[in-house]
Amino acid sequence: MTQIEQRGTARSGYWYPEHGRPTSVDVLNLLRRYRAAEAEMRARTRSSMGMGETDLLALRLLLRAERRGDVLRQRDLAAALGLASPSVTALVDRLVKSGHVRREPHPDDRRATIVVPTSDTDAEVRATLGAMHRRMIDVIDAMDDEQTEAVAGFLERMVAAIEHVDEHEHGEVGGA
């Protein structure tokens, strides 16, 4: 019995007809399970690295910038993360204290400093997330071109559906 058949049996029970393929509800439930699993993975990652969500987001931004050859100032981090100056200062102070980043003079502006991830940080992130990323890539690589295009198109349409903001007339909350 395939996983779809097993899900259909567990879901439908005695009263409901069996479906040969996942229904829209099945797909939405799988998306919810994926989001929950991803949130749990992020929580495990934050816990294993001893940091909060914003700290991890900052590290991701810094590592990406470093790979591109860009430099980030604290104010760049503040803008990207939507933080006020005192909050980003506290964030960078925490990351410096934990050994994940260091402050360095800006290469072109003597008055400014940049925030740079340490080489140990890149290695730690790769060790923490590398195997999981490899498993995810393996899942995608196992699909043929048609499947990959279908999944990519589906996800693009779901993002558009979620990002769409319905306009409501003022005063029409709860009906006419």
Protein backbone atom coordinates (compact mmCIF):
# COMPACT_ATOMS: atom_id res chain seq x y z
CA MET A 1 0.00 0.00 0.00
CA THR A 2 1.40 3.43 -0.97
CA GLN A 3 1.67 6.32 1.44
CA ILE A 4 -1.23 8.02 -0.34
CA GLU A 5 -3.37 4.90 0.05
CA GLN A 6 -2.38 4.66 3.71
CA ARG A 7 -3.29 8.31 4.27
CA GLY A 8 -6.59 7.80 2.45
CA THR A 9 -7.48 4.81 4.60
CA ALA A 10 -6.53 6.53 7.83
CA ARG A 11 -8.37 9.67 6.80
CA SER A 12 -11.51 8.31 5.24
CA GLY A 13 -12.45 5.42 7.49
CA TYR A 14 -15.73 3.65 6.83
CA TRP A 15 -17.91 6.54 5.64
CA TYR A 16 -15.82 8.27 3.00
CA PRO A 17 -14.81 7.16 -0.51
CA GLU A 18 -11.17 6.40 -1.22
CA HIS A 19 -9.25 8.82 -3.40
CA GLY A 20 -6.61 7.64 -5.87
CA ARG A 21 -4.59 10.79 -5.29
CA PRO A 22 -4.18 13.36 -2.53
CA THR A 23 -7.01 15.86 -2.20
CA SER A 24 -6.53 19.59 -1.78
CA VAL A 25 -7.04 19.10 1.97
CA ASP A 26 -4.34 16.40 2.00
CA VAL A 27 -1.90 18.75 0.26
CA LEU A 28 -2.67 21.65 2.62
CA ASN A 29 -2.22 19.31 5.60
CA LEU A 30 1.14 18.18 4.20
CA LEU A 31 2.17 21.83 3.82
CA ARG A 32 1.22 22.42 7.45
CA ARG A 33 3.25 19.36 8.50
CA TYR A 34 6.21 20.63 6.48
CA ARG A 35 5.99 24.09 8.07
CA ALA A 36 5.77 22.54 11.54
CA ALA A 37 8.75 20.26 10.82
CA GLU A 38 10.75 23.22 9.51
CA ALA A 39 9.89 25.31 12.60
CA GLU A 40 10.98 22.41 14.83
CA MET A 41 14.24 22.09 12.86
CA ARG A 42 14.92 25.81 13.30
CA ALA A 43 14.24 25.54 17.04
CA ARG A 44 16.67 22.59 17.29
CA THR A 45 19.27 24.57 15.33
CA ARG A 46 18.85 27.65 17.55
CA SER A 47 19.10 25.46 20.64
CA SER A 48 22.19 23.60 19.45
CA MET A 49 23.89 26.88 18.53
CA GLY A 50 22.67 28.63 21.70
CA MET A 51 20.97 31.55 19.99
CA GLY A 52 17.61 33.09 19.18
CA GLU A 53 15.73 33.37 15.88
CA THR A 54 16.97 36.90 15.14
CA ASP A 55 20.55 35.86 15.90
CA LEU A 56 20.29 33.01 13.40
CA LEU A 57 18.72 35.29 10.77
CA ALA A 58 21.55 37.79 11.25
CA LEU A 59 24.15 35.05 10.80
CA ARG A 60 22.43 33.90 7.61
CA LEU A 61 22.50 37.47 6.23
CA LEU A 62 26.16 37.90 7.19
CA LEU A 63 27.21 34.57 5.67
CA ARG A 64 25.35 35.34 2.42
CA ALA A 65 26.93 38.79 2.22
CA GLU A 66 30.36 37.29 2.80
CA ARG A 67 29.84 34.73 0.00
CA ARG A 68 28.86 37.59 -2.36
CA GLY A 69 31.89 39.62 -1.29
CA ASP A 70 29.68 42.30 0.32
CA VAL A 71 30.25 43.92 3.70
CA LEU A 72 27.49 44.74 6.19
CA ARG A 73 27.45 47.46 8.80
CA GLN A 74 25.30 47.25 11.88
CA ARG A 75 22.85 49.67 10.27
CA ASP A 76 22.59 47.32 7.25
CA LEU A 77 21.69 44.49 9.62
CA ALA A 78 19.20 46.73 11.41
CA ALA A 79 17.48 47.60 8.13
CA ALA A 80 17.42 43.99 6.88
CA LEU A 81 16.06 42.65 10.17
CA GLY A 82 13.74 45.56 10.94
CA LEU A 83 15.52 46.37 14.21
CA ALA A 84 16.20 49.66 15.96
CA SER A 85 19.82 50.69 16.46
CA PRO A 86 20.01 49.71 20.16
CA SER A 87 18.53 46.29 19.39
CA VAL A 88 21.01 45.54 16.62
CA THR A 89 23.85 46.70 18.86
CA ALA A 90 22.73 44.22 21.54
CA LEU A 91 22.38 41.51 18.87
CA VAL A 92 25.90 42.08 17.50
CA ASP A 93 27.29 42.29 21.06
CA ARG A 94 25.76 38.83 21.79
CA LEU A 95 27.17 37.37 18.58
CA VAL A 96 30.62 38.84 19.28
CA LYS A 97 30.55 37.47 22.83
CA SER A 98 29.55 33.99 21.57
CA GLY A 99 32.38 34.07 19.00
CA HIS A 100 30.08 33.99 15.94
CA VAL A 101 31.02 37.42 14.54
CA ARG A 102 33.60 40.13 14.96
CA ARG A 103 33.63 43.86 14.26
CA GLU A 104 36.24 45.09 11.80
CA PRO A 105 37.10 48.46 10.27
CA HIS A 106 35.17 49.17 7.07
CA PRO A 107 37.52 48.70 4.10
CA ASP A 108 36.47 51.99 2.43
CA ASP A 109 35.19 54.18 5.29
CA ARG A 110 37.55 54.78 8.23
CA ARG A 111 34.65 56.01 10.38
CA ALA A 112 32.57 52.84 10.02
CA THR A 113 32.85 49.25 11.19
CA ILE A 114 31.50 46.14 9.57
CA VAL A 115 30.21 42.91 11.08
CA VAL A 116 31.92 39.77 9.81
CA PRO A 117 31.10 36.14 10.59
CA THR A 118 34.02 34.13 11.96
CA SER A 119 35.31 31.13 10.02
CA ASP A 120 34.16 28.93 12.91
CA THR A 121 30.61 30.24 12.40
CA ASP A 122 30.52 29.13 8.78
CA ALA A 123 31.82 25.70 9.79
CA GLU A 124 29.31 25.45 12.66
CA VAL A 125 26.36 26.37 10.44
CA ARG A 126 27.49 23.89 7.79
CA ALA A 127 27.92 21.14 10.40
CA THR A 128 24.55 21.91 11.97
CA LEU A 129 22.52 22.29 8.76
CA GLY A 130 24.61 20.58 6.07
CA ALA A 131 23.17 17.06 6.38
CA MET A 132 19.60 18.34 6.46
CA HIS A 133 20.18 20.53 3.39
CA ARG A 134 21.76 17.57 1.60
CA ARG A 135 18.69 15.40 2.34
CA MET A 136 16.41 18.14 1.02
CA ILE A 137 18.47 18.52 -2.16
CA ASP A 138 18.46 14.73 -2.62
CA VAL A 139 14.64 14.73 -2.52
CA ILE A 140 14.51 17.38 -5.25
CA ASP A 141 17.27 15.76 -7.32
CA ALA A 142 15.31 12.49 -7.32
CA MET A 143 12.43 14.17 -9.18
CA ASP A 144 12.28 14.31 -12.94
CA ASP A 145 12.04 17.66 -14.79
CA GLU A 146 8.24 17.51 -15.03
CA GLN A 147 7.87 16.88 -11.29
CA THR A 148 10.33 19.64 -10.43
CA GLU A 149 8.49 22.11 -12.67
CA ALA A 150 5.14 21.08 -11.16
CA VAL A 151 6.39 21.51 -7.59
CA ALA A 152 8.08 24.85 -8.37
CA GLY A 153 4.95 26.14 -10.10
CA PHE A 154 2.75 24.96 -7.25
CA LEU A 155 4.93 26.68 -4.64
CA GLU A 156 5.07 29.92 -6.67
CA ARG A 157 1.26 29.94 -6.92
CA MET A 158 0.90 29.19 -3.19
CA VAL A 159 3.26 32.06 -2.34
CA ALA A 160 1.21 34.37 -4.58
CA ALA A 161 -2.03 33.16 -2.94
CA ILE A 162 -0.67 33.82 0.53
CA GLU A 163 0.93 37.15 -0.33
CA HIS A 164 -2.27 38.44 -1.94
CA VAL A 165 -3.92 41.00 0.30
CA ASP A 166 -7.68 41.31 -0.01
CA GLU A 167 -8.85 44.90 0.03
CA HIS A 168 -11.78 45.57 2.36
CA GLU A 169 -13.93 48.65 2.46
CA HIS A 170 -13.69 50.57 5.73
CA GLY A 171 -16.43 49.55 8.12
CA GLU A 172 -17.23 46.25 6.39
CA VAL A 173 -15.76 43.97 9.02
CA GLY A 174 -18.00 40.95 9.57
CA GLY A 175 -20.35 41.60 6.67
CA ALA A 176 -22.50 44.24 4.99
